[in-house]
Structure formats: structure tokens, C-alpha cells
Amino acid sequence: MPASLTDPCRAWRKLAQMNRLANHRLHNACAQLSPQDYTAPRASFFPSIRETLNHILLVDRFYINALQGNRLDTAALNDARDLTRFAALVVAQKQSDEALLALLGL
């Protein structure tokens, strides 16, 4: 029998792996930006690319925390919101991606 039929979490694992890959590709693209372009005001839902990436990290932390059965961790959410350096954000996002994969047994 195919693994897709015997493993009820397979789809969630694949989604978590795709999420990590999407974040990796997004960060590679953003790494090409100058610091000015990274923080420049944009006409979109979030005021800048930096704030968009911060929001992605914040939401990932929120859902991982909830999936772990923990109470709301406002300190971790505020930390995600306040990361100003791109390199620090990339490290934090990788940690969140790995935490999600670990939660799913990967």
C-alpha cells in the first residue's frame, strides 16, 4: 500500500517541507536586495519587504506554538516583529521551519 494511504500526516509533512523550501527561496531572492530596498516603503499590505518577512515569521511562530499546545508566547511574537537585520531574520525563520518539521517527526 502506498505511504500516502498509510501515513495520515504525510500531507502535513510535505506542506511543512514545501514551506521551508518557499522560505529558503524567498530569502535567497531578498538577499539580493540592498538594505535600502529591503526596508523601503512599499504599496502593499505590509509597509516594507522587511515587515512582510517579519509577519511570516510571526505567524509561523504563532501556529507552531499553538500546535505544541502552549499558551500564547507574546515575547516570541514581539521578537519576530522586531527583527530588523535580514541575517537575524533568516536564522530565526530557519529555526521555526525546523521546529515545524520536528513537530511532524522530520
C-alpha atoms as a PDB file:
ATOM      1  CA  MET A   1       0.000   0.000   0.000  1.00  0.00           C
ATOM      2  CA  PRO A   2       1.396   3.483  -0.853  1.00  0.00           C
ATOM      3  CA  ALA A   3       2.750   5.548   2.052  1.00  0.00           C
ATOM      4  CA  SER A   4       0.241   8.269   1.199  1.00  0.00           C
ATOM      5  CA  LEU A   5      -2.546   5.894   2.281  1.00  0.00           C
ATOM      6  CA  THR A   6      -0.917   4.585   5.448  1.00  0.00           C
ATOM      7  CA  ASP A   7       0.554   7.809   6.862  1.00  0.00           C
ATOM      8  CA  PRO A   8      -2.180  10.290   7.827  1.00  0.00           C
ATOM      9  CA  CYS A   9       0.437  13.018   8.454  1.00  0.00           C
ATOM     10  CA  ARG A  10       2.194  12.649   5.100  1.00  0.00           C
ATOM     11  CA  ALA A  11       0.389  15.608   3.537  1.00  0.00           C
ATOM     12  CA  TRP A  12       1.221  17.820   6.541  1.00  0.00           C
ATOM     13  CA  ARG A  13       4.865  16.761   6.351  1.00  0.00           C
ATOM     14  CA  LYS A  14       5.005  17.608   2.667  1.00  0.00           C
ATOM     15  CA  LEU A  15       3.415  21.012   3.321  1.00  0.00           C
ATOM     16  CA  ALA A  16       5.980  21.733   6.043  1.00  0.00           C
ATOM     17  CA  GLN A  17       8.813  20.759   3.688  1.00  0.00           C
ATOM     18  CA  MET A  18       7.380  22.987   0.951  1.00  0.00           C
ATOM     19  CA  ASN A  19       7.045  25.834   3.453  1.00  0.00           C
ATOM     20  CA  ARG A  20      10.741  25.508   4.319  1.00  0.00           C
ATOM     21  CA  LEU A  21      11.662  25.477   0.627  1.00  0.00           C
ATOM     22  CA  ALA A  22       9.473  28.526  -0.106  1.00  0.00           C
ATOM     23  CA  ASN A  23      11.073  30.447   2.766  1.00  0.00           C
ATOM     24  CA  HIS A  24      14.541  29.471   1.538  1.00  0.00           C
ATOM     25  CA  ARG A  25      13.779  30.686  -1.987  1.00  0.00           C
ATOM     26  CA  LEU A  26      12.180  33.887  -0.702  1.00  0.00           C
ATOM     27  CA  HIS A  27      15.208  34.642   1.468  1.00  0.00           C
ATOM     28  CA  ASN A  28      17.599  33.953  -1.410  1.00  0.00           C
ATOM     29  CA  ALA A  29      15.708  36.461  -3.538  1.00  0.00           C
ATOM     30  CA  CYS A  30      15.581  39.044  -0.753  1.00  0.00           C
ATOM     31  CA  ALA A  31      19.307  38.612  -0.072  1.00  0.00           C
ATOM     32  CA  GLN A  32      19.892  40.295  -3.433  1.00  0.00           C
ATOM     33  CA  LEU A  33      18.223  43.497  -2.204  1.00  0.00           C
ATOM     34  CA  SER A  34      20.158  46.437  -0.872  1.00  0.00           C
ATOM     35  CA  PRO A  35      19.417  47.365   2.753  1.00  0.00           C
ATOM     36  CA  GLN A  36      17.559  50.400   1.434  1.00  0.00           C
ATOM     37  CA  ASP A  37      15.341  48.294  -0.842  1.00  0.00           C
ATOM     38  CA  TYR A  38      14.735  45.790   1.950  1.00  0.00           C
ATOM     39  CA  THR A  39      13.290  48.478   4.211  1.00  0.00           C
ATOM     40  CA  ALA A  40      11.876  50.828   1.563  1.00  0.00           C
ATOM     41  CA  PRO A  41       8.197  51.759   1.837  1.00  0.00           C
ATOM     42  CA  ARG A  42       6.016  49.633  -0.448  1.00  0.00           C
ATOM     43  CA  ALA A  43       2.461  49.911  -1.630  1.00  0.00           C
ATOM     44  CA  SER A  44       1.177  46.632  -0.261  1.00  0.00           C
ATOM     45  CA  PHE A  45      -0.492  45.167   2.800  1.00  0.00           C
ATOM     46  CA  PHE A  46       2.741  45.485   4.824  1.00  0.00           C
ATOM     47  CA  PRO A  47       4.772  48.691   4.640  1.00  0.00           C
ATOM     48  CA  SER A  48       8.037  47.040   3.526  1.00  0.00           C
ATOM     49  CA  ILE A  49       9.587  43.745   2.492  1.00  0.00           C
ATOM     50  CA  ARG A  50      11.228  43.562   5.927  1.00  0.00           C
ATOM     51  CA  GLU A  51       7.872  43.857   7.659  1.00  0.00           C
ATOM     52  CA  THR A  52       6.372  41.256   5.327  1.00  0.00           C
ATOM     53  CA  LEU A  53       9.110  38.757   6.247  1.00  0.00           C
ATOM     54  CA  ASN A  54       8.701  39.618   9.925  1.00  0.00           C
ATOM     55  CA  HIS A  55       4.986  38.866   9.617  1.00  0.00           C
ATOM     56  CA  ILE A  56       5.664  35.479   8.000  1.00  0.00           C
ATOM     57  CA  LEU A  57       7.949  34.563  10.903  1.00  0.00           C
ATOM     58  CA  LEU A  58       5.459  35.864  13.466  1.00  0.00           C
ATOM     59  CA  VAL A  59       2.617  33.779  12.030  1.00  0.00           C
ATOM     60  CA  ASP A  60       4.813  30.672  11.829  1.00  0.00           C
ATOM     61  CA  ARG A  61       5.755  31.109  15.486  1.00  0.00           C
ATOM     62  CA  PHE A  62       2.121  31.641  16.439  1.00  0.00           C
ATOM     63  CA  TYR A  63       0.937  28.421  14.775  1.00  0.00           C
ATOM     64  CA  ILE A  64       3.884  26.289  15.917  1.00  0.00           C
ATOM     65  CA  ASN A  65       3.306  27.454  19.477  1.00  0.00           C
ATOM     66  CA  ALA A  66      -0.396  26.577  19.201  1.00  0.00           C
ATOM     67  CA  LEU A  67       0.345  23.160  17.664  1.00  0.00           C
ATOM     68  CA  GLN A  68       2.663  22.447  20.583  1.00  0.00           C
ATOM     69  CA  GLY A  69      -0.245  23.155  22.935  1.00  0.00           C
ATOM     70  CA  ASN A  70       1.442  26.144  24.540  1.00  0.00           C
ATOM     71  CA  ARG A  71      -0.075  29.380  25.725  1.00  0.00           C
ATOM     72  CA  LEU A  72       0.391  32.493  23.619  1.00  0.00           C
ATOM     73  CA  ASP A  73       4.093  33.445  23.686  1.00  0.00           C
ATOM     74  CA  THR A  74       3.927  37.203  23.245  1.00  0.00           C
ATOM     75  CA  ALA A  75       7.687  37.584  23.793  1.00  0.00           C
ATOM     76  CA  ALA A  76       8.455  35.316  20.805  1.00  0.00           C
ATOM     77  CA  LEU A  77       5.888  37.149  18.686  1.00  0.00           C
ATOM     78  CA  ASN A  78       7.298  40.550  19.631  1.00  0.00           C
ATOM     79  CA  ASP A  79      10.805  39.293  18.878  1.00  0.00           C
ATOM     80  CA  ALA A  80       9.668  38.224  15.394  1.00  0.00           C
ATOM     81  CA  ARG A  81       8.075  41.615  14.857  1.00  0.00           C
ATOM     82  CA  ASP A  82      11.179  43.492  15.993  1.00  0.00           C
ATOM     83  CA  LEU A  83      13.890  41.712  13.978  1.00  0.00           C
ATOM     84  CA  THR A  84      15.471  44.436  11.873  1.00  0.00           C
ATOM     85  CA  ARG A  85      18.527  42.662  10.461  1.00  0.00           C
ATOM     86  CA  PHE A  86      17.904  40.393   7.481  1.00  0.00           C
ATOM     87  CA  ALA A  87      20.538  37.852   8.561  1.00  0.00           C
ATOM     88  CA  ALA A  88      18.930  37.509  12.000  1.00  0.00           C
ATOM     89  CA  LEU A  89      15.512  37.043  10.434  1.00  0.00           C
ATOM     90  CA  VAL A  90      16.808  34.276   8.157  1.00  0.00           C
ATOM     91  CA  VAL A  91      18.286  32.423  11.135  1.00  0.00           C
ATOM     92  CA  ALA A  92      15.058  32.801  13.127  1.00  0.00           C
ATOM     93  CA  GLN A  93      12.931  31.624  10.195  1.00  0.00           C
ATOM     94  CA  LYS A  94      15.139  28.554   9.689  1.00  0.00           C
ATOM     95  CA  GLN A  95      14.702  27.724  13.373  1.00  0.00           C
ATOM     96  CA  SER A  96      10.920  27.992  13.012  1.00  0.00           C
ATOM     97  CA  ASP A  97      10.946  25.879   9.867  1.00  0.00           C
ATOM     98  CA  GLU A  98      12.965  23.195  11.651  1.00  0.00           C
ATOM     99  CA  ALA A  99      10.667  23.351  14.699  1.00  0.00           C
ATOM    100  CA  LEU A 100       7.649  22.711  12.468  1.00  0.00           C
ATOM    101  CA  LEU A 101       9.376  19.787  10.763  1.00  0.00           C
ATOM    102  CA  ALA A 102      10.400  18.341  14.134  1.00  0.00           C
ATOM    103  CA  LEU A 103       6.829  18.644  15.347  1.00  0.00           C
ATOM    104  CA  LEU A 104       5.829  16.462  12.408  1.00  0.00           C
ATOM    105  CA  GLY A 105       8.558  13.916  13.070  1.00  0.00           C
ATOM    106  CA  LEU A 106      11.001  15.041  10.389  1.00  0.00           C
END
